[in-house]
Amino acid sequence: MKPKITNPITGALLLAGCISTQPAWAAPQEKLTVALYGGNWGEAFLGCVAEPFTKATGIAVAAEVGTSTTTLAKLQQQKAKPTIDVAWMDGGISELAYAAGVLDDLDPASIPNLANVQDKALYRDADHLFAVGSGYYSLGLTYNTQEIKQAPTSWKDLWRPEYAGAITIPSPANSAGVPFVFFLADVWGVDPANLAPLYSKLAALDTALYFDSSGAASNAFQSGEAIIGAHFSVGAWDLIDKGAPIAFTLPSEGAWATDTRLHLIKNGPNNAAARRFIDTALTKEASACLASKLYLGPAVKDVTVADDVARKLPWGVGGSIDSLKLFDWSRINARRADVTNDWNRQVTGKQ
């Protein structure tokens, strides 16, 4: 889904069960620590998965809020003795986490609802099932309808002079940033083996904000700092539903998509409860709830949603996972460090 995370849901998390109401002499309540995103993402994950899980098990859920890249950094730092039990991370970062050796295998015997998930949302390396998708989203073109009366039709419209100083796109610190570079290379017909011409174009783009988080992008559109740019379908539709003068469109070149995935952390302190939490997230009820709150395309099979929800899913009415343009993360991750360094030198001018 994402620049500095503010945590508007901290109070809700405490009320949701992170503070025990047991008397002082009672045994401490079991608690599961789950890494998730902030803002409306975190609210939905709590409401659709954590609250039903706690209601069914009595186990409190404490949220560790941050972007996918932040979560991965924490998992690497805590590798010897992790405090996180379960982590939501985006595609691409998921593969990096597996390569870092911080993920445990997902076992269908202890997570039976894995059988309900679409094959494309089960992520394996040989015999190791290291992640499962919990919903798909896309990165499209978002714009202010009060400032821009005619819907933009191409990603190249970002370079139109009338938008100068009011554009936002993801930075490499966001999980979408590096893949967005390769996506724009395809838009402009730039050879991905030599991205220098694209960096020149990006350096010439008069940008208000390179966003690190979905929340920062939403704030930029809400405040008017940005009137056009790339944004996640989840964040854009959230603004639209709240009455903001925002529209979300898929340009002629298309929009790429990815998913948010669940991971079991290796040597996590509450392994059995963590597996049950993931199993809860893979029910039809949880998937339909996430679709209704975030418009995530369900990874669980045979999920039914209302027509107004269906049209806002990343594949639209009548579409499916097969309609999405997904990335080859092995190719992206192999270039991630180089692209980040080149971006800092050639786009933002950092050394």
Protein backbone atom coordinates (compact mmCIF):
# COMPACT_ATOMS: atom_id res chain seq x y z
CA MET A 1 0.00 0.00 0.00
CA LYS A 2 3.74 3.52 1.71
CA PRO A 3 6.76 8.11 3.80
CA LYS A 4 6.60 8.42 7.30
CA ILE A 5 3.84 6.49 8.96
CA THR A 6 1.73 8.25 11.46
CA ASN A 7 -0.25 5.95 13.64
CA PRO A 8 -3.86 7.15 13.87
CA ILE A 9 -5.02 3.76 15.10
CA THR A 10 -2.90 3.44 18.23
CA GLY A 11 -5.79 4.23 20.54
CA ALA A 12 -8.03 1.79 18.73
CA LEU A 13 -5.40 -0.92 19.07
CA LEU A 14 -5.20 -0.45 22.81
CA LEU A 15 -8.97 -0.60 23.13
CA ALA A 16 -9.05 -3.64 20.87
CA GLY A 17 -7.31 -5.72 23.48
CA CYS A 18 -3.69 -4.70 23.91
CA ILE A 19 -4.47 -3.58 27.47
CA SER A 20 -5.56 -6.39 29.71
CA THR A 21 -8.47 -5.88 32.10
CA GLN A 22 -7.50 -8.89 34.22
CA PRO A 23 -6.76 -8.34 37.94
CA ALA A 24 -3.10 -8.05 38.90
CA TRP A 25 -2.98 -11.53 40.36
CA ALA A 26 -4.27 -13.22 37.19
CA ALA A 27 -2.01 -14.98 34.72
CA PRO A 28 -0.99 -12.63 31.87
CA GLN A 29 -3.22 -12.79 28.80
CA GLU A 30 -1.67 -14.41 25.73
CA LYS A 31 -0.86 -11.79 23.11
CA LEU A 32 -0.03 -12.06 19.42
CA THR A 33 2.08 -9.37 17.74
CA VAL A 34 1.14 -8.71 14.12
CA ALA A 35 3.02 -6.37 11.79
CA LEU A 36 0.63 -4.43 9.55
CA TYR A 37 0.25 -1.12 7.73
CA GLY A 38 -1.12 2.11 9.18
CA GLY A 39 -4.22 4.17 8.42
CA ASN A 40 -7.29 2.59 6.84
CA TRP A 41 -5.24 -0.53 5.97
CA GLY A 42 -4.53 -1.25 9.61
CA GLU A 43 -8.08 -0.46 10.65
CA ALA A 44 -9.40 -2.99 8.12
CA PHE A 45 -6.92 -5.72 9.08
CA LEU A 46 -7.89 -5.27 12.71
CA GLY A 47 -11.62 -5.18 12.07
CA CYS A 48 -11.77 -8.01 9.53
CA VAL A 49 -9.17 -10.40 10.97
CA ALA A 50 -7.84 -9.45 14.41
CA GLU A 51 -11.18 -8.80 16.10
CA PRO A 52 -12.81 -12.07 14.92
CA PHE A 53 -9.63 -13.92 15.91
CA THR A 54 -9.63 -12.43 19.41
CA LYS A 55 -13.35 -13.10 19.80
CA ALA A 56 -12.84 -16.76 18.86
CA THR A 57 -9.65 -17.40 20.83
CA GLY A 58 -9.44 -14.82 23.61
CA ILE A 59 -5.93 -13.96 22.40
CA ALA A 60 -5.21 -10.23 22.21
CA VAL A 61 -3.59 -8.79 19.08
CA ALA A 62 -0.95 -6.06 19.34
CA ALA A 63 -0.22 -4.20 16.11
CA GLU A 64 3.31 -3.38 15.01
CA VAL A 65 2.59 -0.59 12.51
CA GLY A 66 4.91 0.17 9.60
CA THR A 67 5.57 -0.14 5.90
CA SER A 68 6.68 -3.44 4.37
CA THR A 69 10.29 -2.28 4.15
CA THR A 70 10.23 -1.14 7.79
CA THR A 71 8.80 -4.49 8.87
CA LEU A 72 11.46 -6.39 6.94
CA ALA A 73 14.19 -4.30 8.59
CA LYS A 74 12.75 -5.12 12.03
CA LEU A 75 12.57 -8.82 11.22
CA GLN A 76 16.19 -8.84 10.14
CA GLN A 77 17.25 -7.01 13.30
CA GLN A 78 15.24 -9.42 15.48
CA LYS A 79 16.20 -12.56 13.59
CA ALA A 80 17.76 -14.29 16.59
CA LYS A 81 14.81 -13.51 18.88
CA PRO A 82 11.80 -12.04 17.07
CA THR A 83 8.97 -10.28 18.88
CA ILE A 84 6.69 -10.33 15.82
CA ASP A 85 4.56 -13.44 15.20
CA VAL A 86 2.79 -12.64 11.92
CA ALA A 87 3.58 -10.00 9.29
CA TRP A 88 1.67 -8.49 6.41
CA MET A 89 4.12 -7.41 3.70
CA ASP A 90 3.76 -6.56 0.03
CA GLY A 91 4.79 -8.63 -2.96
CA GLY A 92 8.48 -8.14 -3.70
CA ILE A 93 9.36 -7.40 -0.07
CA SER A 94 7.87 -10.83 0.68
CA GLU A 95 10.49 -12.52 -1.48
CA LEU A 96 13.25 -10.49 0.18
CA ALA A 97 12.02 -11.60 3.60
CA TYR A 98 12.13 -15.24 2.50
CA ALA A 99 15.67 -14.80 1.17
CA ALA A 100 16.66 -13.21 4.50
CA GLY A 101 15.63 -16.39 6.34
CA VAL A 102 13.10 -14.77 8.66
CA LEU A 103 10.01 -16.66 7.48
CA ASP A 104 8.64 -20.02 8.58
CA ASP A 105 6.85 -22.40 6.23
CA LEU A 106 3.06 -22.33 6.07
CA ASP A 107 1.77 -25.81 6.79
CA PRO A 108 -1.65 -26.75 5.33
CA ALA A 109 -2.10 -29.26 8.15
CA SER A 110 -2.17 -26.47 10.76
CA ILE A 111 -3.60 -23.77 8.43
CA PRO A 112 -6.41 -25.69 6.69
CA ASN A 113 -7.90 -22.62 5.00
CA LEU A 114 -4.87 -22.50 2.70
CA ALA A 115 -6.93 -24.95 0.64
CA ASN A 116 -9.39 -22.10 -0.07
CA VAL A 117 -6.80 -19.83 -1.68
CA GLN A 118 -6.23 -19.28 -5.41
CA ASP A 119 -3.07 -21.04 -6.62
CA LYS A 120 -1.55 -17.74 -7.80
CA ALA A 121 -1.73 -16.40 -4.25
CA LEU A 122 0.34 -19.24 -2.75
CA TYR A 123 4.02 -18.33 -2.87
CA ARG A 124 6.52 -21.17 -2.92
CA ASP A 125 10.19 -21.79 -3.34
CA ALA A 126 10.53 -25.49 -4.15
CA ASP A 127 8.74 -27.24 -1.27
CA HIS A 128 8.64 -24.13 0.93
CA LEU A 129 5.31 -22.27 1.07
CA PHE A 130 6.54 -18.97 2.53
CA ALA A 131 3.63 -16.56 1.98
CA VAL A 132 -0.07 -16.40 1.15
CA GLY A 133 -1.91 -13.52 -0.48
CA SER A 134 -4.73 -11.84 1.40
CA GLY A 135 -5.85 -9.46 -1.35
CA TYR A 136 -4.76 -7.66 -4.54
CA TYR A 137 -4.53 -3.94 -5.28
CA SER A 138 -3.26 -1.77 -8.12
CA LEU A 139 -1.28 1.44 -8.59
CA GLY A 140 -3.19 3.76 -10.91
CA LEU A 141 -3.41 7.41 -11.87
CA THR A 142 -5.19 9.58 -9.31
CA TYR A 143 -6.20 13.21 -9.78
CA ASN A 144 -8.12 16.11 -8.24
CA THR A 145 -11.40 16.59 -10.11
CA GLN A 146 -11.70 20.25 -9.08
CA GLU A 147 -8.31 21.07 -10.57
CA ILE A 148 -8.39 18.68 -13.52
CA LYS A 149 -11.71 18.59 -15.36
CA GLN A 150 -10.82 16.04 -18.05
CA ALA A 151 -9.57 12.63 -16.94
CA PRO A 152 -5.92 12.00 -17.87
CA THR A 153 -5.51 9.08 -20.25
CA SER A 154 -1.78 8.34 -20.12
CA TRP A 155 1.00 8.11 -17.57
CA LYS A 156 2.87 10.53 -19.81
CA ASP A 157 0.33 13.20 -18.81
CA LEU A 158 2.29 13.59 -15.57
CA TRP A 159 4.84 15.55 -17.60
CA ARG A 160 2.30 18.13 -18.81
CA PRO A 161 3.49 21.63 -17.79
CA GLU A 162 0.20 22.62 -16.14
CA TYR A 163 0.77 19.98 -13.44
CA ALA A 164 4.26 21.17 -12.52
CA GLY A 165 4.86 21.31 -8.79
CA ALA A 166 1.73 19.32 -7.93
CA ILE A 167 2.68 15.73 -8.80
CA THR A 168 3.32 12.77 -6.50
CA ILE A 169 4.91 9.40 -7.27
CA PRO A 170 6.34 6.66 -5.03
CA SER A 171 9.95 6.75 -3.86
CA PRO A 172 12.12 3.62 -3.72
CA ALA A 173 11.47 3.52 0.04
CA ASN A 174 7.92 2.48 -0.82
CA SER A 175 7.38 -1.10 -1.95
CA ALA A 176 5.92 0.30 -5.20
CA GLY A 177 8.81 2.64 -5.95
CA VAL A 178 11.30 0.35 -7.66
CA PRO A 179 8.71 -1.60 -9.69
CA PHE A 180 7.17 1.74 -10.73
CA VAL A 181 10.50 2.68 -12.32
CA PHE A 182 10.38 -0.46 -14.46
CA PHE A 183 6.72 0.15 -15.24
CA LEU A 184 7.49 3.69 -16.47
CA ALA A 185 10.39 2.33 -18.51
CA ASP A 186 7.85 0.22 -20.37
CA VAL A 187 5.53 3.24 -20.77
CA TRP A 188 8.31 5.34 -22.30
CA GLY A 189 9.90 2.52 -24.31
CA VAL A 190 13.16 2.67 -22.33
CA ASP A 191 15.38 -0.41 -22.28
CA PRO A 192 15.32 -1.67 -18.66
CA ALA A 193 18.96 -2.66 -19.05
CA ASN A 194 19.81 1.06 -19.35
CA LEU A 195 17.46 3.21 -17.28
CA ALA A 196 19.49 6.43 -17.59
CA PRO A 197 17.04 8.01 -20.11
CA LEU A 198 14.16 7.35 -17.73
CA TYR A 199 16.04 8.84 -14.77
CA SER A 200 16.52 12.00 -16.86
CA LYS A 201 12.78 12.18 -17.46
CA LEU A 202 12.04 11.62 -13.76
CA ALA A 203 14.58 14.26 -12.73
CA ALA A 204 12.81 16.74 -15.02
CA LEU A 205 9.42 15.96 -13.45
CA ASP A 206 8.46 18.86 -11.16
CA THR A 207 7.27 16.76 -8.24
CA ALA A 208 5.68 17.97 -5.00
CA LEU A 209 6.28 14.70 -3.17
CA TYR A 210 8.01 11.35 -3.56
CA PHE A 211 5.87 9.35 -1.16
CA ASP A 212 7.19 6.58 1.07
CA SER A 213 3.77 5.43 2.30
CA SER A 214 0.20 5.24 1.06
CA GLY A 215 -0.82 7.51 3.92
CA ALA A 216 1.56 10.24 2.80
CA ALA A 217 0.18 10.07 -0.74
CA SER A 218 -3.39 10.36 0.57
CA ASN A 219 -2.41 13.34 2.73
CA ALA A 220 -0.86 15.08 -0.28
CA PHE A 221 -4.04 14.66 -2.33
CA GLN A 222 -6.24 15.67 0.60
CA SER A 223 -4.28 18.85 1.34
CA GLY A 224 -4.02 19.86 -2.32
CA GLU A 225 -0.22 19.55 -2.28
CA ALA A 226 -0.66 17.06 -5.13
CA ILE A 227 -3.37 17.28 -7.78
CA ILE A 228 -2.22 14.31 -9.87
CA GLY A 229 0.04 11.30 -9.53
CA ALA A 230 0.35 7.61 -8.81
CA HIS A 231 -1.65 6.22 -5.92
CA PHE A 232 -2.84 2.85 -4.73
CA SER A 233 -6.41 1.87 -5.51
CA VAL A 234 -7.01 1.31 -1.78
CA GLY A 235 -5.96 4.81 -0.78
CA ALA A 236 -7.65 6.54 -3.71
CA TRP A 237 -11.01 4.85 -3.17
CA ASP A 238 -10.82 5.61 0.54
CA LEU A 239 -10.53 9.33 -0.29
CA ILE A 240 -13.35 9.11 -2.82
CA ASP A 241 -15.62 7.33 -0.35
CA LYS A 242 -14.96 10.09 2.18
CA GLY A 243 -16.14 12.70 -0.30
CA ALA A 244 -12.77 14.08 -1.44
CA PRO A 245 -12.76 15.53 -4.99
CA ILE A 246 -10.56 12.69 -6.22
CA ALA A 247 -10.84 10.22 -9.11
CA PHE A 248 -8.91 7.04 -9.82
CA THR A 249 -8.31 5.90 -13.38
CA LEU A 250 -6.41 3.23 -15.28
CA PRO A 251 -4.44 4.93 -18.11
CA SER A 252 -4.17 3.52 -21.61
CA GLU A 253 -0.85 1.85 -20.73
CA GLY A 254 -2.56 0.06 -17.86
CA ALA A 255 -1.67 -0.16 -14.19
CA TRP A 256 0.39 -2.74 -12.41
CA ALA A 257 -0.89 -4.71 -9.48
CA THR A 258 0.46 -6.69 -6.56
CA ASP A 259 -0.86 -8.13 -3.33
CA THR A 260 -0.53 -7.86 0.40
CA ARG A 261 0.66 -11.14 1.88
CA LEU A 262 0.65 -12.90 5.23
CA HIS A 263 3.82 -14.43 6.65
CA LEU A 264 4.55 -16.66 9.63
CA ILE A 265 7.71 -15.45 11.38
CA LYS A 266 10.40 -18.03 12.07
CA ASN A 267 10.92 -18.61 15.80
CA GLY A 268 8.07 -16.24 16.64
CA PRO A 269 7.07 -16.43 20.32
CA ASN A 270 3.47 -17.60 19.66
CA ASN A 271 3.72 -19.96 16.71
CA ALA A 272 0.53 -21.96 17.24
CA ALA A 273 -1.61 -18.85 17.75
CA ALA A 274 0.05 -17.23 14.73
CA ARG A 275 -0.99 -20.12 12.50
CA ARG A 276 -4.56 -19.82 13.74
CA PHE A 277 -4.49 -16.08 13.03
CA ILE A 278 -3.44 -16.71 9.43
CA ASP A 279 -6.15 -19.35 9.12
CA THR A 280 -8.72 -16.77 10.29
CA ALA A 281 -7.51 -14.32 7.63
CA LEU A 282 -8.14 -16.91 4.90
CA THR A 283 -11.86 -17.36 5.54
CA LYS A 284 -14.42 -16.15 3.02
CA GLU A 285 -15.80 -13.83 5.69
CA ALA A 286 -12.45 -12.12 6.30
CA SER A 287 -11.73 -11.86 2.59
CA ALA A 288 -15.15 -10.35 1.83
CA CYS A 289 -14.68 -7.92 4.71
CA LEU A 290 -11.29 -6.76 3.36
CA ALA A 291 -12.82 -6.38 -0.08
CA SER A 292 -15.62 -4.21 1.27
CA LYS A 293 -13.32 -2.01 3.39
CA LEU A 294 -10.21 -1.77 1.18
CA TYR A 295 -11.47 -3.02 -2.22
CA LEU A 296 -8.76 -5.67 -2.15
CA GLY A 297 -9.31 -8.29 -4.84
CA PRO A 298 -9.94 -11.52 -2.92
CA ALA A 299 -7.28 -14.23 -3.02
CA VAL A 300 -9.73 -16.66 -1.42
CA LYS A 301 -11.92 -18.60 -3.84
CA ASP A 302 -15.66 -18.01 -4.34
CA VAL A 303 -15.92 -14.77 -2.35
CA THR A 304 -19.09 -12.81 -3.14
CA VAL A 305 -19.19 -9.00 -2.81
CA ALA A 306 -21.77 -6.30 -3.54
CA ASP A 307 -21.85 -4.75 -7.03
CA ASP A 308 -20.59 -1.39 -5.73
CA VAL A 309 -17.60 -3.17 -4.20
CA ALA A 310 -16.98 -5.32 -7.29
CA ARG A 311 -16.54 -2.31 -9.59
CA LYS A 312 -13.82 -0.93 -7.29
CA LEU A 313 -11.75 -4.11 -7.13
CA PRO A 314 -8.42 -3.92 -8.98
CA TRP A 315 -9.73 -6.07 -11.85
CA GLY A 316 -13.17 -4.46 -12.15
CA VAL A 317 -16.52 -6.11 -12.80
CA GLY A 318 -16.15 -9.56 -14.34
CA GLY A 319 -12.38 -9.61 -13.93
CA SER A 320 -10.11 -11.87 -11.90
CA ILE A 321 -6.52 -12.32 -10.83
CA ASP A 322 -5.78 -13.32 -14.43
CA SER A 323 -6.72 -9.78 -15.53
CA LEU A 324 -3.94 -8.17 -13.48
CA LYS A 325 -0.51 -7.11 -14.69
CA LEU A 326 1.80 -8.63 -12.08
CA PHE A 327 5.57 -8.33 -11.76
CA ASP A 328 8.38 -10.83 -11.97
CA TRP A 329 9.75 -10.04 -8.52
CA SER A 330 12.97 -11.97 -9.03
CA ARG A 331 13.88 -9.53 -11.82
CA ILE A 332 12.83 -6.48 -9.81
CA ASN A 333 14.59 -7.53 -6.60
CA ALA A 334 17.82 -8.31 -8.43
CA ARG A 335 17.97 -4.63 -9.43
CA ARG A 336 16.44 -3.06 -6.31
CA ALA A 337 19.66 -1.79 -4.71
CA ASP A 338 21.04 -0.44 -8.00
CA VAL A 339 17.79 1.34 -8.88
CA THR A 340 17.58 2.90 -5.41
CA ASN A 341 21.17 4.18 -5.64
CA ASP A 342 20.68 5.48 -9.17
CA TRP A 343 17.42 7.18 -8.16
CA ASN A 344 19.17 8.97 -5.29
CA ARG A 345 21.97 10.16 -7.55
CA GLN A 346 20.17 10.87 -10.80
CA VAL A 347 16.59 11.75 -9.79
CA THR A 348 16.68 13.43 -6.38
CA GLY A 349 20.36 14.41 -6.43
CA LYS A 350 21.24 12.73 -3.14
CA GLN A 351 24.71 11.28 -2.71
